Amino acid sequence: MPPPPLALSPALPSELLTYVLTHQIYPTTLLICQPRNVFLTSLLSSIPQPIQRQPPPPETHLPDPEDEDPPPRHPLLIPTLHQIATSRSVNVVFIPTVSHLRAYLSVFPPPTENASPPEPKLDKPGKEVPLLVVYGLVDLHRDTSEWSAQGFGNSVASLVEAGRRGDRKIVVIEEKKEEDSSYVVEGEEVERKPGWKVWDERVPMLNGNIRRAGFESEESAWSGRTIEIGRIYARWFRFGRGDWDLEE
């Protein structure tokens, strides 16, 4: 029996890949709910690129190269043997629509993932299980007819069933946005935490609800009852902070 599904705080694409490479156990599957070009663009923007130095003008005194420290490189840009080996055992699938997601989950796991693990096997010993990581599940439903508690419930139920069928630990992570920073009070201290605004968004209960114009608040813009996305997820998931938040 796999562990209960886990919903982590939103992450940048680079933080997502670092998490998967760190925690993956063969066979791990990463579902990216974005077109491939959109994700790669976001990934490049989230990784600091080394600055290329311009050649000095003629007759300029050149500093000793040993006196200058090279700029630090992002860990994803360093091709270590462990990173190369683990990346080859992660199955990455790009999911453009809700229909594609449900179709993929209905036949999960694919037959190719039932094969023997690659050699040499670098998995960590212990009780860890393979992962089924989904990135951007909320945004995949946004601005579609499935933007409702009914639509989310159908997708999440399919995801949980696929994880149980494939004996995978399910982890869902949303993409971190600039506005994903808020102040929360813990005791007498105010701490700046990124990430949880997405779970406070409200959606209508049923598919096909009409959104009424002329209202400022999200809740009153929908006809009928609404519910927070976090409450929908809480039926199946427990919530936690990602490694990227713990390091801050």
Foldseek 3Di string as FASTA:
>chain_A
DADFAEEAFADQLVLVLVQCLVQAAAQAEEEEQAPPVVNVVSNVVVFDDFDDDDDDDPPDDDDDPVVDDGDDGDPVVDDDPSSVLSVVNYHYHYHHALVSLLVCLVPPPDPVSPDDDDPPGPDDDDDRDGAYEYEAPQVRCPPHLLQALVSVLVNVVSVVVSCVVVVHHYYYHYHFDPPQWDWDDDPHDIDIDGGDVQQAQKTHHHGPWQFAPDDDDNQVRTPDHIDGNNVSCVVRYDYDYGPVRVVD
